[in-house]
Amino acid sequence: MSYAISVRELKDRLDKGDKVFLLDVREPHEYSMAKIEGSVLIPLGTLPTSLDQLNPADEIVALCHRGMRSADAVGFLLQQGFSNVKNLVGGIDAWSLEIDPEVPRYR
């Protein structure tokens, strides 16, 4: 099973109305600069104490700036027994480049 999803796949799924929980694991200052509409911010460092905010039955797509922290989040969630989790490859940066140029890019 693949634990990765491209920005194009995610956009297509959202456009179809698929129910996907978008978990943004960046820091609040990053989230305030750029976000995908409907995403929920739970910074990676607080994820272990925030598991009660997640439903293991949901399909969860984790995202961050470029995909590294969200890959860590996916690994952690898998260890916690979550099975339907995916990492957004390229993160919000790829989303801005390939899907929605209205979403600001940052360093």
Foldseek 3Di string as FASTA:
>chain_A
DAQADELVRVVVCVVVVHDEAEEEQEDPVLVVQFDDPRHDYDHLVCCVVCCVVDDLVHQYEYFYQQFDSSVVVSVVVVVVVRDRHHYHHGGRQSCCVPPNVVGDHDD
